[in-house]
Amino acid sequence: MSLNEEDNFLEEDDDEGIELKTIPISEYVKLRREQRKQEQQAFEDKLKVLKEKTAKLKRELGYKD
């Protein structure tokens, strides 16, 4: 057996111990929806901060809205 064959053999052994968790589609959709809400909230928070910084810089530089 060559080294490459041994490496492949060892990799296959590692995969055997992994159990895949299955969840119903409805549960997956619920999890993704919650994750998306969190991502959206984080995005909106960052956007708010950037808008505030932009407004402050515009005031400091004398731009008119």
N, C-alpha and C. Protein backbone atom coordinates (compact mmCIF):
# COMPACT_ATOMS: atom_id res chain seq x y z
N MET A 1 0.85 -1.18 0.00
CA MET A 1 0.00 0.00 0.00
C MET A 1 0.90 1.24 0.00
N SER A 2 0.61 2.18 -0.89
CA SER A 2 1.40 3.40 -0.94
C SER A 2 0.93 4.38 0.14
N LEU A 3 1.68 5.44 0.32
CA LEU A 3 1.32 6.44 1.33
C LEU A 3 -0.03 7.08 1.02
N ASN A 4 -0.28 7.35 -0.26
CA ASN A 4 -1.56 7.97 -0.63
C ASN A 4 -2.73 7.05 -0.30
N GLU A 5 -2.57 5.77 -0.56
CA GLU A 5 -3.63 4.82 -0.24
C GLU A 5 -3.85 4.75 1.26
N GLU A 6 -2.77 4.81 2.03
CA GLU A 6 -2.90 4.79 3.49
C GLU A 6 -3.62 6.05 3.98
N ASP A 7 -3.28 7.19 3.41
CA ASP A 7 -3.94 8.44 3.80
C ASP A 7 -5.44 8.36 3.52
N ASN A 8 -5.80 7.88 2.34
CA ASN A 8 -7.21 7.75 2.00
C ASN A 8 -7.91 6.78 2.95
N PHE A 9 -7.25 5.70 3.29
CA PHE A 9 -7.82 4.71 4.18
C PHE A 9 -8.06 5.32 5.56
N LEU A 10 -7.10 6.10 6.06
CA LEU A 10 -7.26 6.73 7.36
C LEU A 10 -8.38 7.77 7.34
N GLU A 11 -8.49 8.52 6.25
CA GLU A 11 -9.56 9.51 6.14
C GLU A 11 -10.92 8.83 6.17
N GLU A 12 -11.05 7.69 5.52
CA GLU A 12 -12.31 6.97 5.52
C GLU A 12 -12.68 6.53 6.93
N ASP A 13 -11.69 6.09 7.70
CA ASP A 13 -11.96 5.66 9.07
C ASP A 13 -12.47 6.82 9.92
N ASP A 14 -11.91 8.00 9.72
CA ASP A 14 -12.35 9.16 10.48
C ASP A 14 -13.81 9.50 10.19
N ASP A 15 -14.22 9.34 8.95
CA ASP A 15 -15.59 9.67 8.56
C ASP A 15 -16.62 8.73 9.19
N GLU A 16 -16.23 7.51 9.49
CA GLU A 16 -17.18 6.53 10.00
C GLU A 16 -17.73 6.91 11.37
N GLY A 17 -16.98 7.62 12.17
CA GLY A 17 -17.42 7.96 13.51
C GLY A 17 -18.35 9.16 13.57
N ILE A 18 -18.55 9.83 12.45
CA ILE A 18 -19.37 11.04 12.43
C ILE A 18 -20.83 10.66 12.23
N GLU A 19 -21.67 11.13 13.16
CA GLU A 19 -23.10 10.92 13.00
C GLU A 19 -23.72 12.21 12.49
N LEU A 20 -24.52 12.09 11.47
CA LEU A 20 -25.19 13.26 10.93
C LEU A 20 -26.53 13.44 11.64
N LYS A 21 -26.78 14.66 12.05
CA LYS A 21 -28.04 14.95 12.73
C LYS A 21 -29.05 15.38 11.68
N THR A 22 -30.20 14.73 11.68
CA THR A 22 -31.24 15.12 10.74
C THR A 22 -32.32 15.87 11.50
N ILE A 23 -32.83 16.92 10.86
CA ILE A 23 -33.91 17.69 11.47
C ILE A 23 -35.00 17.87 10.42
N PRO A 24 -36.22 18.01 10.87
CA PRO A 24 -37.31 18.22 9.91
C PRO A 24 -37.14 19.55 9.17
N ILE A 25 -37.69 19.62 7.99
CA ILE A 25 -37.57 20.83 7.18
C ILE A 25 -38.17 22.02 7.91
N SER A 26 -39.29 21.82 8.58
CA SER A 26 -39.92 22.93 9.29
C SER A 26 -39.00 23.49 10.37
N GLU A 27 -38.28 22.61 11.05
CA GLU A 27 -37.33 23.05 12.08
C GLU A 27 -36.18 23.83 11.44
N TYR A 28 -35.70 23.34 10.31
CA TYR A 28 -34.62 24.02 9.59
C TYR A 28 -35.06 25.42 9.15
N VAL A 29 -36.28 25.51 8.62
CA VAL A 29 -36.80 26.80 8.18
C VAL A 29 -36.90 27.75 9.35
N LYS A 30 -37.37 27.25 10.49
CA LYS A 30 -37.50 28.08 11.68
C LYS A 30 -36.13 28.58 12.14
N LEU A 31 -35.14 27.70 12.14
CA LEU A 31 -33.78 28.08 12.54
C LEU A 31 -33.20 29.13 11.58
N ARG A 32 -33.37 28.90 10.29
CA ARG A 32 -32.85 29.85 9.29
C ARG A 32 -33.54 31.19 9.41
N ARG A 33 -34.85 31.19 9.68
CA ARG A 33 -35.60 32.43 9.82
C ARG A 33 -35.08 33.23 11.01
N GLU A 34 -34.85 32.53 12.12
CA GLU A 34 -34.32 33.19 13.32
C GLU A 34 -32.92 33.73 13.06
N GLN A 35 -32.09 32.94 12.39
CA GLN A 35 -30.73 33.37 12.07
C GLN A 35 -30.77 34.60 11.16
N ARG A 36 -31.67 34.61 10.19
CA ARG A 36 -31.80 35.74 9.27
C ARG A 36 -32.25 37.00 10.01
N LYS A 37 -33.16 36.84 10.96
CA LYS A 37 -33.60 37.99 11.77
C LYS A 37 -32.43 38.59 12.52
N GLN A 38 -31.60 37.73 13.11
CA GLN A 38 -30.43 38.21 13.85
C GLN A 38 -29.45 38.91 12.93
N GLU A 39 -29.21 38.33 11.75
CA GLU A 39 -28.30 38.96 10.79
C GLU A 39 -28.84 40.31 10.34
N GLN A 40 -30.15 40.38 10.10
CA GLN A 40 -30.77 41.63 9.66
C GLN A 40 -30.66 42.69 10.75
N GLN A 41 -30.87 42.31 12.00
CA GLN A 41 -30.77 43.26 13.11
C GLN A 41 -29.35 43.78 13.25
N ALA A 42 -28.37 42.89 13.12
CA ALA A 42 -26.96 43.31 13.20
C ALA A 42 -26.63 44.28 12.06
N PHE A 43 -27.13 43.98 10.87
CA PHE A 43 -26.90 44.86 9.72
C PHE A 43 -27.51 46.23 9.96
N GLU A 44 -28.76 46.26 10.45
CA GLU A 44 -29.43 47.53 10.70
C GLU A 44 -28.71 48.35 11.77
N ASP A 45 -28.20 47.67 12.79
CA ASP A 45 -27.44 48.37 13.84
C ASP A 45 -26.18 49.02 13.26
N LYS A 46 -25.46 48.27 12.44
CA LYS A 46 -24.24 48.81 11.81
C LYS A 46 -24.58 49.96 10.87
N LEU A 47 -25.67 49.81 10.12
CA LEU A 47 -26.08 50.85 9.19
C LEU A 47 -26.43 52.14 9.93
N LYS A 48 -27.11 52.00 11.06
CA LYS A 48 -27.48 53.17 11.87
C LYS A 48 -26.23 53.92 12.33
N VAL A 49 -25.23 53.17 12.81
CA VAL A 49 -23.98 53.79 13.26
C VAL A 49 -23.29 54.51 12.10
N LEU A 50 -23.26 53.87 10.95
CA LEU A 50 -22.61 54.50 9.79
C LEU A 50 -23.35 55.77 9.36
N LYS A 51 -24.67 55.74 9.39
CA LYS A 51 -25.44 56.93 9.03
C LYS A 51 -25.17 58.07 10.01
N GLU A 52 -25.07 57.73 11.30
CA GLU A 52 -24.77 58.75 12.31
C GLU A 52 -23.39 59.35 12.09
N LYS A 53 -22.41 58.50 11.81
CA LYS A 53 -21.05 58.98 11.55
C LYS A 53 -21.00 59.85 10.31
N THR A 54 -21.73 59.45 9.27
CA THR A 54 -21.77 60.22 8.03
C THR A 54 -22.38 61.59 8.28
N ALA A 55 -23.48 61.62 9.02
CA ALA A 55 -24.14 62.90 9.32
C ALA A 55 -23.20 63.80 10.12
N LYS A 56 -22.49 63.23 11.08
CA LYS A 56 -21.56 64.01 11.90
C LYS A 56 -20.43 64.59 11.04
N LEU A 57 -19.87 63.77 10.16
CA LEU A 57 -18.80 64.24 9.29
C LEU A 57 -19.30 65.34 8.35
N LYS A 58 -20.51 65.18 7.83
CA LYS A 58 -21.06 66.20 6.94
C LYS A 58 -21.21 67.52 7.68
N ARG A 59 -21.69 67.46 8.93
CA ARG A 59 -21.83 68.69 9.73
C ARG A 59 -20.46 69.32 9.96
N GLU A 60 -19.47 68.50 10.31
CA GLU A 60 -18.12 69.01 10.59
C GLU A 60 -17.49 69.65 9.35
N LEU A 61 -17.78 69.08 8.18
CA LEU A 61 -17.19 69.59 6.95
C LEU A 61 -18.02 70.70 6.31
N GLY A 62 -19.18 70.98 6.87
CA GLY A 62 -19.99 72.08 6.38
C GLY A 62 -20.92 71.74 5.23
N TYR A 63 -21.13 70.46 4.96
CA TYR A 63 -22.09 70.09 3.92
C TYR A 63 -23.50 70.35 4.41
N LYS A 64 -24.37 70.68 3.45
CA LYS A 64 -25.77 70.87 3.79
C LYS A 64 -26.55 69.66 3.30
N ASP A 65 -27.49 69.21 4.10
CA ASP A 65 -28.28 68.01 3.75
C ASP A 65 -29.20 68.26 2.61
